[in-house]
N, C-alpha and C. Protein backbone atom coordinates (compact mmCIF):
# COMPACT_ATOMS: atom_id res chain seq x y z
N MET A 1 231.30 -92.44 5.94
CA MET A 1 230.30 -92.78 6.53
C MET A 1 229.55 -93.28 7.33
N ALA A 2 229.85 -94.77 6.91
CA ALA A 2 229.81 -96.06 7.84
C ALA A 2 230.51 -96.10 9.01
N THR A 3 231.71 -95.20 9.12
CA THR A 3 232.21 -95.39 10.46
C THR A 3 231.37 -94.76 11.14
N GLY A 4 230.87 -93.15 10.84
CA GLY A 4 230.17 -92.51 11.37
C GLY A 4 229.11 -92.90 11.81
N VAL A 5 228.36 -94.03 11.37
CA VAL A 5 227.23 -94.46 11.64
C VAL A 5 227.42 -95.61 13.15
N LEU A 6 228.14 -95.87 12.85
CA LEU A 6 228.85 -97.19 13.80
C LEU A 6 229.05 -96.44 14.81
N ARG A 7 230.29 -95.34 14.86
CA ARG A 7 230.25 -94.74 16.23
C ARG A 7 229.09 -94.29 16.69
N LEU A 8 228.33 -93.63 16.02
CA LEU A 8 227.05 -93.17 16.20
C LEU A 8 226.62 -93.87 17.21
N SER A 9 225.96 -95.04 16.67
CA SER A 9 225.19 -96.25 17.27
C SER A 9 225.95 -96.56 18.66
N LEU A 10 227.61 -96.76 18.45
CA LEU A 10 228.48 -97.38 19.75
C LEU A 10 227.94 -96.52 20.98
N ARG A 11 227.54 -94.99 20.47
CA ARG A 11 228.03 -94.04 21.83
C ARG A 11 226.66 -94.16 22.50
N LEU A 12 225.60 -94.47 21.30
CA LEU A 12 224.04 -94.42 22.00
C LEU A 12 223.92 -95.76 22.42
N SER A 13 224.54 -96.76 22.28
CA SER A 13 224.15 -98.04 23.22
C SER A 13 225.30 -97.90 24.58
N TYR A 14 226.30 -97.08 24.48
CA TYR A 14 227.13 -97.15 25.67
C TYR A 14 226.49 -96.29 26.91
N ARG A 15 225.79 -94.95 25.94
CA ARG A 15 225.10 -94.18 26.90
C ARG A 15 223.66 -94.81 27.63
N ASN A 16 223.31 -95.92 26.70
CA ASN A 16 222.27 -96.58 27.26
C ASN A 16 222.59 -97.45 28.38
N ALA A 17 223.62 -97.85 28.42
CA ALA A 17 224.11 -98.95 29.35
C ALA A 17 224.62 -98.15 30.54
N ALA A 18 224.97 -96.98 30.30
CA ALA A 18 225.49 -96.29 31.50
C ALA A 18 224.31 -95.90 32.43
N ILE A 19 223.38 -95.67 31.55
CA ILE A 19 222.04 -95.28 32.02
C ILE A 19 221.35 -96.05 32.97
N LEU A 20 221.46 -97.40 32.29
CA LEU A 20 220.74 -98.56 32.83
C LEU A 20 221.77 -99.03 34.00
N SER A 21 222.74 -98.97 33.96
CA SER A 21 223.39 -99.22 35.22
C SER A 21 223.72 -98.32 36.43
N ARG A 22 223.36 -97.00 36.11
CA ARG A 22 223.19 -96.16 36.87
C ARG A 22 221.71 -96.16 37.56
N ASN A 23 220.71 -96.32 36.54
CA ASN A 23 219.83 -96.50 37.48
C ASN A 23 219.48 -97.58 38.43
N THR A 24 219.75 -98.52 37.84
CA THR A 24 220.03 -100.35 39.02
C THR A 24 220.78 -99.91 40.01
N GLY A 25 221.47 -98.92 40.05
CA GLY A 25 222.24 -98.50 41.83
C GLY A 25 223.48 -99.61 41.72
N SER A 26 224.15 -100.28 40.68
CA SER A 26 225.68 -101.24 40.95
C SER A 26 226.39 -99.92 41.22
N LYS A 27 227.21 -100.74 41.80
CA LYS A 27 228.65 -99.62 41.63
C LYS A 27 229.63 -100.15 40.83
N THR A 28 229.28 -100.93 39.97
CA THR A 28 230.23 -101.39 38.93
C THR A 28 230.31 -100.15 37.86
N SER A 29 231.65 -99.91 37.30
CA SER A 29 231.43 -98.75 36.05
C SER A 29 231.82 -99.04 34.58
N ASN A 30 230.92 -98.77 33.82
CA ASN A 30 231.46 -99.11 32.20
C ASN A 30 231.97 -98.00 31.93
N ILE A 31 232.69 -97.35 32.27
CA ILE A 31 233.26 -96.13 31.93
C ILE A 31 234.54 -96.52 31.17
N SER A 32 235.30 -97.67 31.97
CA SER A 32 236.75 -98.41 31.01
C SER A 32 236.34 -99.26 29.79
N LYS A 33 235.17 -99.89 30.14
CA LYS A 33 235.02 -100.69 28.51
C LYS A 33 234.51 -99.73 27.59
N MET A 34 234.23 -98.46 27.64
CA MET A 34 233.57 -97.46 26.70
C MET A 34 234.50 -96.40 26.32
N THR A 35 234.35 -95.90 24.79
CA THR A 35 234.79 -94.62 24.34
C THR A 35 234.49 -93.44 25.51
N GLN A 36 235.54 -92.95 26.13
CA GLN A 36 235.15 -91.92 27.21
C GLN A 36 235.01 -90.51 26.39
N SER A 37 233.71 -90.06 26.62
CA SER A 37 233.84 -88.40 25.77
C SER A 37 232.94 -87.93 27.15
N ARG A 38 233.71 -86.57 27.29
CA ARG A 38 232.98 -85.83 28.67
C ARG A 38 232.53 -84.89 27.87
N ASN A 39 231.04 -84.61 28.19
CA ASN A 39 230.22 -83.40 27.37
C ASN A 39 229.35 -83.11 28.87
N ALA A 40 229.57 -83.63 30.06
CA ALA A 40 228.80 -83.00 31.22
C ALA A 40 229.86 -82.47 32.11
N VAL A 41 229.73 -81.59 33.25
CA VAL A 41 230.57 -81.51 34.25
C VAL A 41 229.82 -81.83 35.75
N SER A 42 228.46 -82.31 35.77
CA SER A 42 227.72 -82.47 36.23
C SER A 42 226.82 -84.01 36.27
N THR A 43 226.29 -84.62 37.39
CA THR A 43 225.74 -85.91 37.21
C THR A 43 224.48 -85.10 37.57
N ALA A 44 223.33 -86.25 37.07
CA ALA A 44 221.83 -86.10 36.61
C ALA A 44 221.36 -85.15 38.29
N SER A 45 221.82 -85.96 39.33
CA SER A 45 221.70 -85.22 40.71
C SER A 45 222.07 -83.90 41.11
N GLY A 46 222.78 -83.45 40.36
CA GLY A 46 223.76 -82.24 40.77
C GLY A 46 224.97 -82.20 41.47
N GLY A 47 225.84 -83.78 41.13
CA GLY A 47 227.09 -83.83 41.83
C GLY A 47 227.71 -83.40 40.86
N ILE A 48 229.14 -82.89 41.21
CA ILE A 48 230.03 -82.23 40.22
C ILE A 48 231.11 -83.84 39.78
N LEU A 49 231.15 -83.77 38.81
CA LEU A 49 232.15 -84.94 38.43
C LEU A 49 233.78 -84.61 38.69
N PRO A 50 234.29 -85.68 38.88
CA PRO A 50 235.77 -85.31 39.02
C PRO A 50 236.61 -84.98 37.99
N LYS A 51 237.51 -84.24 37.83
CA LYS A 51 238.66 -83.64 36.86
C LYS A 51 238.88 -84.83 36.07
N PRO A 52 238.77 -85.19 34.80
CA PRO A 52 239.45 -85.74 33.85
C PRO A 52 240.85 -86.27 33.85
N ASP A 53 241.04 -87.62 33.64
CA ASP A 53 242.53 -87.48 33.80
C ASP A 53 243.72 -86.84 32.52
N LYS A 54 244.57 -86.43 33.34
CA LYS A 54 245.57 -85.55 32.15
C LYS A 54 246.65 -86.49 31.86
N THR A 55 246.79 -86.56 30.34
CA THR A 55 248.14 -87.39 29.85
C THR A 55 249.49 -86.24 30.19
N ALA A 56 250.19 -86.91 31.27
CA ALA A 56 251.55 -86.30 31.59
C ALA A 56 252.47 -86.60 30.34
N PHE A 57 253.23 -85.58 30.02
CA PHE A 57 254.31 -85.17 28.91
C PHE A 57 253.51 -85.34 27.55
N GLY A 58 252.50 -84.63 27.33
CA GLY A 58 251.45 -85.34 26.00
C GLY A 58 252.63 -84.71 24.61
N LEU A 59 252.98 -83.07 25.03
CA LEU A 59 253.85 -82.97 24.03
C LEU A 59 255.18 -83.36 23.80
N ILE A 60 255.93 -84.02 24.87
CA ILE A 60 256.86 -84.67 24.70
C ILE A 60 256.58 -85.78 23.61
N ARG A 61 255.84 -86.40 24.38
CA ARG A 61 255.26 -87.87 23.64
C ARG A 61 255.11 -87.84 22.03
N MET A 62 254.12 -86.85 21.51
CA MET A 62 254.29 -86.51 20.32
C MET A 62 255.34 -85.91 19.55
N THR A 63 256.36 -85.40 20.16
CA THR A 63 257.35 -85.01 19.83
C THR A 63 258.16 -86.09 19.49
N ALA A 64 258.18 -87.12 20.37
CA ALA A 64 259.07 -88.43 20.36
C ALA A 64 258.62 -89.07 19.27
N VAL A 65 257.28 -89.26 18.76
CA VAL A 65 256.79 -90.10 17.93
C VAL A 65 256.98 -89.34 16.01
N VAL A 66 256.51 -88.27 16.12
CA VAL A 66 256.47 -87.43 15.38
C VAL A 66 257.95 -87.45 14.47
N VAL A 67 259.16 -86.59 15.20
CA VAL A 67 260.28 -86.35 14.59
C VAL A 67 261.28 -87.48 14.02
N PRO A 68 260.88 -88.59 14.79
CA PRO A 68 261.65 -90.08 13.79
C PRO A 68 260.87 -90.45 12.40
N PHE A 69 259.61 -90.20 12.73
CA PHE A 69 258.93 -90.71 11.68
C PHE A 69 259.00 -89.67 10.56
N LEU A 70 259.12 -88.25 10.72
CA LEU A 70 259.22 -87.17 9.72
C LEU A 70 260.61 -87.41 8.90
N TYR A 71 261.75 -87.60 9.97
CA TYR A 71 263.05 -88.25 9.18
C TYR A 71 263.23 -89.74 8.14
N VAL A 72 262.78 -90.31 8.90
CA VAL A 72 262.25 -91.77 8.07
C VAL A 72 261.70 -91.10 6.97
N GLY A 73 260.41 -90.55 6.60
CA GLY A 73 260.04 -90.06 5.66
C GLY A 73 260.80 -89.25 4.52
N THR A 74 261.62 -88.00 5.16
CA THR A 74 262.53 -87.45 4.06
C THR A 74 263.90 -88.26 3.15
N LEU A 75 264.24 -89.50 4.27
CA LEU A 75 265.10 -90.26 3.85
C LEU A 75 264.47 -91.18 2.77
N ILE A 76 263.66 -91.71 2.69
CA ILE A 76 262.73 -92.40 1.66
C ILE A 76 262.49 -91.38 0.67
N SER A 77 261.96 -90.07 0.67
CA SER A 77 261.65 -89.51 -0.37
C SER A 77 262.65 -89.09 -1.48
N LYS A 78 264.19 -88.60 -0.46
CA LYS A 78 265.50 -88.27 -1.10
C LYS A 78 266.18 -89.52 -1.93
N ASN A 79 265.69 -90.64 -1.39
CA ASN A 79 266.53 -91.64 -2.03
C ASN A 79 265.61 -92.30 -3.06
N PHE A 80 264.08 -92.05 -3.22
CA PHE A 80 263.56 -92.62 -3.87
C PHE A 80 263.73 -91.58 -5.22
N ALA A 81 263.77 -90.20 -5.04
CA ALA A 81 264.17 -88.92 -6.15
C ALA A 81 265.29 -89.37 -6.87
N ALA A 82 266.41 -89.98 -6.06
CA ALA A 82 267.71 -90.13 -6.28
C ALA A 82 267.38 -91.32 -7.55
N LEU A 83 266.62 -92.00 -7.11
CA LEU A 83 266.53 -93.53 -7.90
C LEU A 83 265.80 -92.96 -9.27
N LEU A 84 264.86 -92.38 -9.27
CA LEU A 84 263.97 -91.72 -10.41
C LEU A 84 264.92 -90.78 -11.46
N GLU A 85 265.73 -90.03 -10.35
CA GLU A 85 266.79 -89.31 -11.67
C GLU A 85 268.12 -90.21 -12.32
N GLU A 86 268.06 -91.05 -11.40
CA GLU A 86 269.18 -91.79 -11.96
C GLU A 86 268.92 -92.74 -13.09
N HIS A 87 267.79 -93.41 -13.07
CA HIS A 87 266.67 -94.37 -14.06
C HIS A 87 266.33 -93.34 -15.39
N ASP A 88 266.44 -91.96 -15.26
CA ASP A 88 265.98 -90.80 -16.22
C ASP A 88 264.57 -91.28 -16.23
N ILE A 89 263.77 -91.59 -15.31
CA ILE A 89 262.41 -91.37 -15.32
C ILE A 89 261.85 -90.03 -14.95
N PHE A 90 262.41 -89.51 -14.29
CA PHE A 90 262.14 -87.84 -13.87
C PHE A 90 263.12 -86.82 -13.68
N VAL A 91 263.64 -86.36 -14.63
CA VAL A 91 264.80 -85.51 -14.77
C VAL A 91 264.10 -84.10 -15.01
N PRO A 92 264.55 -82.82 -14.18
CA PRO A 92 263.86 -81.81 -14.60
C PRO A 92 264.73 -81.04 -15.82
N GLU A 93 263.91 -80.60 -16.78
CA GLU A 93 264.46 -80.18 -17.73
C GLU A 93 265.29 -78.75 -17.43
N ASP A 94 266.83 -78.27 -18.04
CA ASP A 94 267.27 -77.28 -17.79
C ASP A 94 266.65 -76.22 -18.61
N ASP A 95 265.70 -75.53 -18.54
CA ASP A 95 265.12 -74.24 -19.65
C ASP A 95 265.80 -73.17 -19.37
N ASP A 96 266.68 -72.69 -19.94
CA ASP A 96 267.26 -71.44 -19.90
C ASP A 96 266.48 -70.31 -20.43
N ASP A 97 265.54 -69.53 -19.64
CA ASP A 97 264.66 -68.88 -20.61
C ASP A 97 265.23 -67.39 -20.07
N ASP A 98 266.07 -67.09 -19.90
CA ASP A 98 266.44 -65.73 -19.52
C ASP A 98 266.63 -65.03 -20.58
N ASP A 99 265.37 -64.07 -20.98
CA ASP A 99 265.14 -63.31 -21.96
C ASP A 99 266.06 -62.14 -21.43
């Protein structure tokens, strides 16, 4: 909840700063300093905004990060399960309920 309020206040302050800088006519942009969120495709005067930057190889990058961490996670869980079974902390019972 607190992070949501913080994000909302930051967005409002960034939006106000962008409006003020646009109204003063300065050519410097505050876009690089704030969190970018695109909810419009045109400016107030009717001009079309440029296309947003596209992240190249997004799926490959995601795969390169997710797969090694999944592998490490499975190794950790497998070793921990073997440790628990070795110390008889968690050993499944062999119930033969074949009626």
